[in-house]
Amino acid sequence: MSLIVGTNSWVTIAEADTYLEDSMNAGDWFDLPIESGTEQGSKSRSSVLITAFRWLMSHSSLSGLSASLTDDNVKQAQIESAIFLLRYQSDYERRDSLRAMGVSQMSVSKWSESLEDVTLPSNIASLLSSYTIRGGMIVTLRGDTYTDG
């Protein structure tokens, strides 16, 4: 499937390229082909952006996101999510899978780790703070005040 703004993406590939062109360590993004070509499931800028869009749209801590949004913070969050998933998707999924299987802590030799809930990276969560569910409530921020929805 091709990337279609308003259907499976908030940003175009050109917008993502522009956003990332002056970002440190974005070379892995520019190493990707623009489209997947004939190989279904292969990594491309288009497939990574679509995956990031779907990830955010289905994330349990977010509400009120729709495909038709044009908010710059939502666009930036999709691009930041695409870079995060490009770099860490397998680690993120591995950790999420361990949590789903009931693993809360693990140790190997002198190294140990406590597995907390898997959450959005803070830079992405900050960009989407207007769409975040907190304590079972949807909070809509308006200017200096807010209302509980």
N, C-alpha and C. Protein backbone atom coordinates (compact mmCIF):
# COMPACT_ATOMS: atom_id res chain seq x y z
N MET A 1 0.83 -1.18 0.00
CA MET A 1 0.00 0.00 0.00
C MET A 1 0.88 1.24 0.00
N SER A 2 0.54 2.19 -0.78
CA SER A 2 1.27 3.45 -0.83
C SER A 2 0.85 4.37 0.30
N LEU A 3 1.73 5.25 0.67
CA LEU A 3 1.44 6.25 1.68
C LEU A 3 0.43 7.25 1.12
N ILE A 4 -0.65 7.47 1.86
CA ILE A 4 -1.69 8.41 1.43
C ILE A 4 -2.03 9.30 2.62
N VAL A 5 -1.66 10.58 2.53
CA VAL A 5 -1.95 11.52 3.60
C VAL A 5 -3.47 11.62 3.77
N GLY A 6 -3.91 11.55 5.02
CA GLY A 6 -5.33 11.58 5.32
C GLY A 6 -5.96 10.20 5.39
N THR A 7 -5.19 9.18 5.02
CA THR A 7 -5.67 7.80 5.09
C THR A 7 -4.77 6.95 5.99
N ASN A 8 -3.45 6.92 5.68
CA ASN A 8 -2.53 6.13 6.49
C ASN A 8 -1.28 6.91 6.89
N SER A 9 -1.38 8.23 6.84
CA SER A 9 -0.27 9.08 7.23
C SER A 9 -0.76 10.51 7.47
N TRP A 10 -0.05 11.20 8.32
CA TRP A 10 -0.30 12.64 8.50
C TRP A 10 0.72 13.46 7.71
N VAL A 11 1.82 12.84 7.32
CA VAL A 11 2.89 13.56 6.63
C VAL A 11 3.24 12.91 5.30
N THR A 12 3.79 13.69 4.42
CA THR A 12 4.34 13.17 3.18
C THR A 12 5.78 12.75 3.42
N ILE A 13 6.32 11.99 2.53
CA ILE A 13 7.74 11.61 2.62
C ILE A 13 8.60 12.86 2.50
N ALA A 14 8.21 13.79 1.64
CA ALA A 14 8.97 15.04 1.48
C ALA A 14 9.00 15.83 2.79
N GLU A 15 7.87 15.88 3.51
CA GLU A 15 7.84 16.58 4.80
C GLU A 15 8.76 15.90 5.80
N ALA A 16 8.74 14.58 5.82
CA ALA A 16 9.61 13.83 6.73
C ALA A 16 11.08 14.07 6.37
N ASP A 17 11.39 14.04 5.09
CA ASP A 17 12.76 14.30 4.65
C ASP A 17 13.22 15.68 5.09
N THR A 18 12.37 16.68 4.91
CA THR A 18 12.71 18.06 5.29
C THR A 18 12.94 18.16 6.79
N TYR A 19 12.06 17.54 7.56
CA TYR A 19 12.17 17.55 9.02
C TYR A 19 13.49 16.91 9.47
N LEU A 20 13.87 15.83 8.80
CA LEU A 20 15.04 15.06 9.24
C LEU A 20 16.36 15.47 8.61
N GLU A 21 16.31 16.32 7.58
CA GLU A 21 17.54 16.61 6.85
C GLU A 21 18.62 17.26 7.70
N ASP A 22 18.26 17.97 8.75
CA ASP A 22 19.26 18.59 9.63
C ASP A 22 19.33 17.90 10.98
N SER A 23 18.74 16.72 11.09
CA SER A 23 18.76 15.98 12.36
C SER A 23 20.02 15.13 12.45
N MET A 24 20.57 15.08 13.64
CA MET A 24 21.73 14.23 13.86
C MET A 24 21.33 12.77 13.73
N ASN A 25 22.19 11.98 13.21
CA ASN A 25 22.00 10.52 13.12
C ASN A 25 20.76 10.10 12.35
N ALA A 26 20.35 10.88 11.35
CA ALA A 26 19.19 10.51 10.54
C ALA A 26 19.62 9.80 9.26
N GLY A 27 20.87 9.44 9.17
CA GLY A 27 21.37 8.78 7.96
C GLY A 27 20.66 7.48 7.65
N ASP A 28 20.24 6.74 8.70
CA ASP A 28 19.53 5.48 8.46
C ASP A 28 18.20 5.72 7.76
N TRP A 29 17.58 6.86 7.98
CA TRP A 29 16.35 7.22 7.27
C TRP A 29 16.63 7.41 5.79
N PHE A 30 17.66 8.18 5.49
CA PHE A 30 17.97 8.50 4.10
C PHE A 30 18.58 7.33 3.34
N ASP A 31 19.02 6.30 4.08
CA ASP A 31 19.51 5.08 3.43
C ASP A 31 18.37 4.21 2.91
N LEU A 32 17.15 4.44 3.41
CA LEU A 32 15.98 3.65 2.98
C LEU A 32 15.50 4.10 1.60
N PRO A 33 15.00 3.16 0.80
CA PRO A 33 14.34 3.57 -0.45
C PRO A 33 13.04 4.29 -0.10
N ILE A 34 12.53 5.08 -1.01
CA ILE A 34 11.29 5.81 -0.76
C ILE A 34 10.11 4.86 -0.67
N GLU A 35 10.00 3.92 -1.59
CA GLU A 35 8.91 2.94 -1.61
C GLU A 35 9.49 1.54 -1.48
N SER A 36 8.67 0.60 -1.04
CA SER A 36 9.11 -0.79 -0.85
C SER A 36 9.33 -1.52 -2.16
N GLY A 37 8.76 -1.03 -3.24
CA GLY A 37 8.89 -1.72 -4.51
C GLY A 37 8.03 -2.97 -4.52
N THR A 38 8.54 -4.04 -5.08
CA THR A 38 7.75 -5.26 -5.21
C THR A 38 7.84 -6.16 -3.98
N GLU A 39 8.77 -5.89 -3.08
CA GLU A 39 8.97 -6.74 -1.91
C GLU A 39 8.07 -6.30 -0.76
N GLN A 40 6.95 -6.99 -0.59
CA GLN A 40 6.01 -6.64 0.47
C GLN A 40 6.66 -6.83 1.83
N GLY A 41 6.40 -5.89 2.72
CA GLY A 41 6.93 -5.99 4.07
C GLY A 41 8.35 -5.49 4.23
N SER A 42 8.98 -5.03 3.16
CA SER A 42 10.34 -4.54 3.29
C SER A 42 10.33 -3.10 3.80
N LYS A 43 11.44 -2.69 4.38
CA LYS A 43 11.54 -1.35 4.93
C LYS A 43 11.75 -0.33 3.83
N SER A 44 10.98 0.73 3.93
CA SER A 44 11.14 1.90 3.06
C SER A 44 10.68 3.10 3.87
N ARG A 45 10.94 4.28 3.39
CA ARG A 45 10.45 5.47 4.11
C ARG A 45 8.94 5.42 4.22
N SER A 46 8.29 5.02 3.14
CA SER A 46 6.83 4.92 3.12
C SER A 46 6.33 3.91 4.15
N SER A 47 6.89 2.71 4.17
CA SER A 47 6.42 1.67 5.09
C SER A 47 6.69 2.02 6.54
N VAL A 48 7.81 2.68 6.80
CA VAL A 48 8.12 3.07 8.18
C VAL A 48 7.16 4.16 8.65
N LEU A 49 6.83 5.12 7.79
CA LEU A 49 5.86 6.15 8.17
C LEU A 49 4.47 5.56 8.39
N ILE A 50 4.06 4.64 7.54
CA ILE A 50 2.75 4.00 7.70
C ILE A 50 2.71 3.19 9.00
N THR A 51 3.78 2.48 9.30
CA THR A 51 3.86 1.70 10.54
C THR A 51 3.77 2.63 11.75
N ALA A 52 4.47 3.76 11.70
CA ALA A 52 4.43 4.73 12.80
C ALA A 52 3.01 5.30 12.96
N PHE A 53 2.36 5.60 11.86
CA PHE A 53 0.97 6.10 11.89
C PHE A 53 0.07 5.08 12.58
N ARG A 54 0.14 3.83 12.16
CA ARG A 54 -0.71 2.78 12.73
C ARG A 54 -0.40 2.57 14.22
N TRP A 55 0.87 2.64 14.57
CA TRP A 55 1.30 2.46 15.95
C TRP A 55 0.67 3.54 16.83
N LEU A 56 0.74 4.78 16.39
CA LEU A 56 0.17 5.87 17.17
C LEU A 56 -1.35 5.80 17.20
N MET A 57 -1.97 5.50 16.07
CA MET A 57 -3.43 5.43 16.02
C MET A 57 -3.99 4.36 16.95
N SER A 58 -3.23 3.28 17.16
CA SER A 58 -3.72 2.18 17.99
C SER A 58 -3.17 2.19 19.41
N HIS A 59 -2.36 3.17 19.76
CA HIS A 59 -1.72 3.19 21.07
C HIS A 59 -2.76 3.43 22.15
N SER A 60 -2.74 2.61 23.19
CA SER A 60 -3.76 2.65 24.23
C SER A 60 -3.73 3.93 25.07
N SER A 61 -2.64 4.66 25.07
CA SER A 61 -2.58 5.87 25.89
C SER A 61 -3.03 7.12 25.12
N LEU A 62 -3.42 6.94 23.86
CA LEU A 62 -3.81 8.09 23.04
C LEU A 62 -5.27 8.00 22.63
N SER A 63 -5.91 9.15 22.54
CA SER A 63 -7.30 9.21 22.12
C SER A 63 -7.52 10.49 21.31
N GLY A 64 -8.44 10.43 20.39
CA GLY A 64 -8.77 11.63 19.61
C GLY A 64 -7.95 11.79 18.35
N LEU A 65 -7.06 10.85 18.08
CA LEU A 65 -6.30 10.92 16.84
C LEU A 65 -7.19 10.46 15.68
N SER A 66 -7.11 11.16 14.57
CA SER A 66 -7.82 10.73 13.36
C SER A 66 -6.89 10.94 12.18
N ALA A 67 -7.16 10.24 11.12
CA ALA A 67 -6.31 10.30 9.93
C ALA A 67 -6.29 11.69 9.29
N SER A 68 -7.30 12.49 9.56
CA SER A 68 -7.42 13.79 8.89
C SER A 68 -6.72 14.93 9.63
N LEU A 69 -6.05 14.66 10.74
CA LEU A 69 -5.41 15.73 11.49
C LEU A 69 -4.29 16.40 10.69
N THR A 70 -4.13 17.69 10.91
CA THR A 70 -3.06 18.45 10.24
C THR A 70 -2.17 19.17 11.24
N ASP A 71 -2.34 18.87 12.52
CA ASP A 71 -1.59 19.48 13.61
C ASP A 71 -0.09 19.19 13.43
N ASP A 72 0.73 20.24 13.49
CA ASP A 72 2.18 20.06 13.32
C ASP A 72 2.77 19.12 14.36
N ASN A 73 2.25 19.15 15.60
CA ASN A 73 2.77 18.24 16.63
C ASN A 73 2.50 16.78 16.27
N VAL A 74 1.35 16.51 15.69
CA VAL A 74 1.01 15.15 15.28
C VAL A 74 1.94 14.71 14.15
N LYS A 75 2.19 15.61 13.21
CA LYS A 75 3.10 15.29 12.10
C LYS A 75 4.51 15.00 12.63
N GLN A 76 4.99 15.85 13.53
CA GLN A 76 6.32 15.64 14.10
C GLN A 76 6.36 14.34 14.89
N ALA A 77 5.29 14.04 15.63
CA ALA A 77 5.24 12.80 16.40
C ALA A 77 5.31 11.59 15.49
N GLN A 78 4.66 11.65 14.33
CA GLN A 78 4.73 10.52 13.39
C GLN A 78 6.15 10.34 12.88
N ILE A 79 6.81 11.44 12.55
CA ILE A 79 8.19 11.35 12.05
C ILE A 79 9.12 10.82 13.14
N GLU A 80 8.99 11.36 14.36
CA GLU A 80 9.81 10.89 15.47
C GLU A 80 9.53 9.41 15.77
N SER A 81 8.27 9.01 15.66
CA SER A 81 7.91 7.60 15.87
C SER A 81 8.51 6.72 14.79
N ALA A 82 8.51 7.21 13.56
CA ALA A 82 9.11 6.45 12.46
C ALA A 82 10.59 6.20 12.72
N ILE A 83 11.30 7.22 13.16
CA ILE A 83 12.73 7.07 13.46
C ILE A 83 12.92 6.12 14.64
N PHE A 84 12.09 6.26 15.68
CA PHE A 84 12.18 5.37 16.84
C PHE A 84 11.96 3.92 16.41
N LEU A 85 10.90 3.68 15.64
CA LEU A 85 10.60 2.31 15.21
C LEU A 85 11.66 1.76 14.27
N LEU A 86 12.19 2.61 13.42
CA LEU A 86 13.26 2.19 12.52
C LEU A 86 14.45 1.67 13.31
N ARG A 87 14.77 2.34 14.39
CA ARG A 87 15.94 1.98 15.19
C ARG A 87 15.66 0.91 16.24
N TYR A 88 14.48 0.95 16.87
CA TYR A 88 14.26 0.15 18.08
C TYR A 88 13.04 -0.76 18.04
N GLN A 89 12.39 -0.93 16.91
CA GLN A 89 11.15 -1.70 16.90
C GLN A 89 11.32 -3.11 17.46
N SER A 90 12.36 -3.81 17.07
CA SER A 90 12.52 -5.18 17.56
C SER A 90 12.75 -5.21 19.07
N ASP A 91 13.53 -4.27 19.60
CA ASP A 91 13.75 -4.20 21.05
C ASP A 91 12.45 -3.85 21.78
N TYR A 92 11.71 -2.91 21.23
CA TYR A 92 10.43 -2.49 21.82
C TYR A 92 9.45 -3.66 21.85
N GLU A 93 9.33 -4.38 20.74
CA GLU A 93 8.42 -5.51 20.67
C GLU A 93 8.86 -6.64 21.59
N ARG A 94 10.16 -6.88 21.70
CA ARG A 94 10.68 -7.93 22.59
C ARG A 94 10.32 -7.61 24.03
N ARG A 95 10.52 -6.37 24.43
CA ARG A 95 10.21 -5.95 25.80
C ARG A 95 8.70 -6.05 26.06
N ASP A 96 7.90 -5.59 25.10
CA ASP A 96 6.44 -5.65 25.23
C ASP A 96 5.97 -7.11 25.32
N SER A 97 6.58 -7.99 24.55
CA SER A 97 6.23 -9.41 24.58
C SER A 97 6.55 -10.03 25.94
N LEU A 98 7.71 -9.70 26.49
CA LEU A 98 8.07 -10.21 27.81
C LEU A 98 7.07 -9.75 28.87
N ARG A 99 6.69 -8.49 28.81
CA ARG A 99 5.69 -7.97 29.76
C ARG A 99 4.36 -8.70 29.59
N ALA A 100 3.95 -8.95 28.33
CA ALA A 100 2.69 -9.64 28.07
C ALA A 100 2.72 -11.07 28.60
N MET A 101 3.90 -11.68 28.66
CA MET A 101 4.04 -13.04 29.17
C MET A 101 4.19 -13.08 30.69
N GLY A 102 4.13 -11.91 31.33
CA GLY A 102 4.18 -11.85 32.78
C GLY A 102 5.56 -11.65 33.37
N VAL A 103 6.57 -11.46 32.53
CA VAL A 103 7.92 -11.23 33.04
C VAL A 103 7.99 -9.79 33.55
N SER A 104 8.36 -9.64 34.83
CA SER A 104 8.47 -8.29 35.39
C SER A 104 9.90 -7.94 35.76
N GLN A 105 10.76 -8.96 35.80
CA GLN A 105 12.16 -8.72 36.15
C GLN A 105 13.00 -9.84 35.58
N MET A 106 14.23 -9.53 35.21
CA MET A 106 15.14 -10.56 34.72
C MET A 106 16.56 -10.22 35.12
N SER A 107 17.37 -11.26 35.22
CA SER A 107 18.76 -11.11 35.61
C SER A 107 19.65 -12.01 34.78
N VAL A 108 20.80 -11.52 34.43
CA VAL A 108 21.84 -12.29 33.74
C VAL A 108 23.16 -11.88 34.37
N SER A 109 23.80 -12.82 35.06
CA SER A 109 25.05 -12.56 35.74
C SER A 109 24.86 -11.38 36.71
N LYS A 110 25.64 -10.32 36.57
CA LYS A 110 25.53 -9.16 37.46
C LYS A 110 24.54 -8.11 36.94
N TRP A 111 24.00 -8.35 35.78
CA TRP A 111 23.06 -7.40 35.15
C TRP A 111 21.63 -7.81 35.47
N SER A 112 20.81 -6.86 35.90
CA SER A 112 19.40 -7.16 36.11
C SER A 112 18.57 -5.97 35.63
N GLU A 113 17.32 -6.26 35.30
CA GLU A 113 16.43 -5.22 34.80
C GLU A 113 15.02 -5.49 35.28
N SER A 114 14.36 -4.42 35.67
CA SER A 114 12.95 -4.49 36.03
C SER A 114 12.17 -3.96 34.83
N LEU A 115 11.22 -4.76 34.34
CA LEU A 115 10.47 -4.38 33.15
C LEU A 115 9.20 -3.64 33.55
N GLU A 116 9.23 -2.34 33.41
CA GLU A 116 8.06 -1.52 33.67
C GLU A 116 7.16 -1.56 32.44
N ASP A 117 6.02 -0.90 32.52
CA ASP A 117 5.15 -0.81 31.35
C ASP A 117 5.89 -0.22 30.16
N VAL A 118 5.59 -0.70 28.98
CA VAL A 118 6.18 -0.17 27.76
C VAL A 118 5.36 1.05 27.36
N THR A 119 6.02 2.20 27.28
CA THR A 119 5.31 3.45 26.98
C THR A 119 5.91 4.12 25.77
N LEU A 120 5.25 5.17 25.33
CA LEU A 120 5.80 5.98 24.24
C LEU A 120 7.05 6.69 24.72
N PRO A 121 8.04 6.87 23.86
CA PRO A 121 9.20 7.69 24.24
C PRO A 121 8.73 9.09 24.64
N SER A 122 9.41 9.71 25.59
CA SER A 122 8.96 10.98 26.15
C SER A 122 8.84 12.09 25.10
N ASN A 123 9.74 12.13 24.11
CA ASN A 123 9.64 13.19 23.10
C ASN A 123 8.37 13.04 22.27
N ILE A 124 7.95 11.82 22.01
CA ILE A 124 6.73 11.58 21.24
C ILE A 124 5.51 11.84 22.11
N ALA A 125 5.54 11.37 23.35
CA ALA A 125 4.43 11.61 24.28
C ALA A 125 4.21 13.10 24.49
N SER A 126 5.28 13.88 24.57
CA SER A 126 5.15 15.33 24.74
C SER A 126 4.47 15.98 23.54
N LEU A 127 4.85 15.56 22.35
CA LEU A 127 4.23 16.11 21.15
C LEU A 127 2.74 15.80 21.08
N LEU A 128 2.34 14.66 21.65
CA LEU A 128 0.94 14.22 21.59
C LEU A 128 0.20 14.43 22.90
N SER A 129 0.69 15.32 23.76
CA SER A 129 0.08 15.51 25.07
C SER A 129 -1.39 15.93 24.97
N SER A 130 -1.79 16.57 23.90
CA SER A 130 -3.20 16.97 23.72
C SER A 130 -4.10 15.77 23.47
N TYR A 131 -3.50 14.62 23.13
CA TYR A 131 -4.27 13.42 22.80
C TYR A 131 -4.05 12.30 23.80
N THR A 132 -3.46 12.62 24.95
CA THR A 132 -3.09 11.61 25.93
C THR A 132 -4.21 11.38 26.94
N ILE A 133 -4.48 10.12 27.23
CA ILE A 133 -5.45 9.74 28.26
C ILE A 133 -4.69 9.63 29.57
N ARG A 134 -5.13 10.36 30.57
CA ARG A 134 -4.49 10.31 31.88
C ARG A 134 -5.51 9.88 32.92
N GLY A 135 -5.23 8.81 33.63
CA GLY A 135 -6.10 8.35 34.71
C GLY A 135 -7.52 8.07 34.27
N GLY A 136 -7.69 7.58 33.04
CA GLY A 136 -9.03 7.25 32.57
C GLY A 136 -9.82 8.43 32.03
N MET A 137 -9.24 9.63 32.09
CA MET A 137 -9.92 10.82 31.58
C MET A 137 -9.23 11.28 30.31
N ILE A 138 -10.00 11.88 29.44
CA ILE A 138 -9.42 12.56 28.29
C ILE A 138 -9.38 14.02 28.65
N VAL A 139 -8.21 14.61 28.62
CA VAL A 139 -8.05 16.01 28.98
C VAL A 139 -7.82 16.80 27.70
N THR A 140 -8.64 17.82 27.48
CA THR A 140 -8.48 18.68 26.32
C THR A 140 -7.89 20.00 26.81
N LEU A 141 -6.71 20.35 26.33
CA LEU A 141 -6.05 21.58 26.74
C LEU A 141 -6.43 22.71 25.80
N ARG A 142 -6.76 23.86 26.41
CA ARG A 142 -7.09 25.04 25.61
C ARG A 142 -6.40 26.24 26.26
N GLY A 143 -5.41 26.78 25.58
CA GLY A 143 -4.73 27.96 26.11
C GLY A 143 -4.15 27.70 27.48
N ASP A 144 -4.40 28.64 28.41
CA ASP A 144 -3.87 28.53 29.77
C ASP A 144 -4.76 27.69 30.67
N THR A 145 -5.92 27.29 30.18
CA THR A 145 -6.83 26.52 31.00
C THR A 145 -7.08 25.18 30.34
N TYR A 146 -7.71 24.29 31.06
CA TYR A 146 -8.09 23.01 30.48
C TYR A 146 -9.45 22.60 31.02
N THR A 147 -10.09 21.69 30.32
CA THR A 147 -11.37 21.14 30.78
C THR A 147 -11.27 19.63 30.77
N ASP A 148 -11.91 18.99 31.72
CA ASP A 148 -11.96 17.53 31.74
C ASP A 148 -13.08 17.09 30.82
N GLY A 149 -12.78 16.16 29.88
CA GLY A 149 -13.78 15.71 28.92
C GLY A 149 -14.36 14.39 29.27
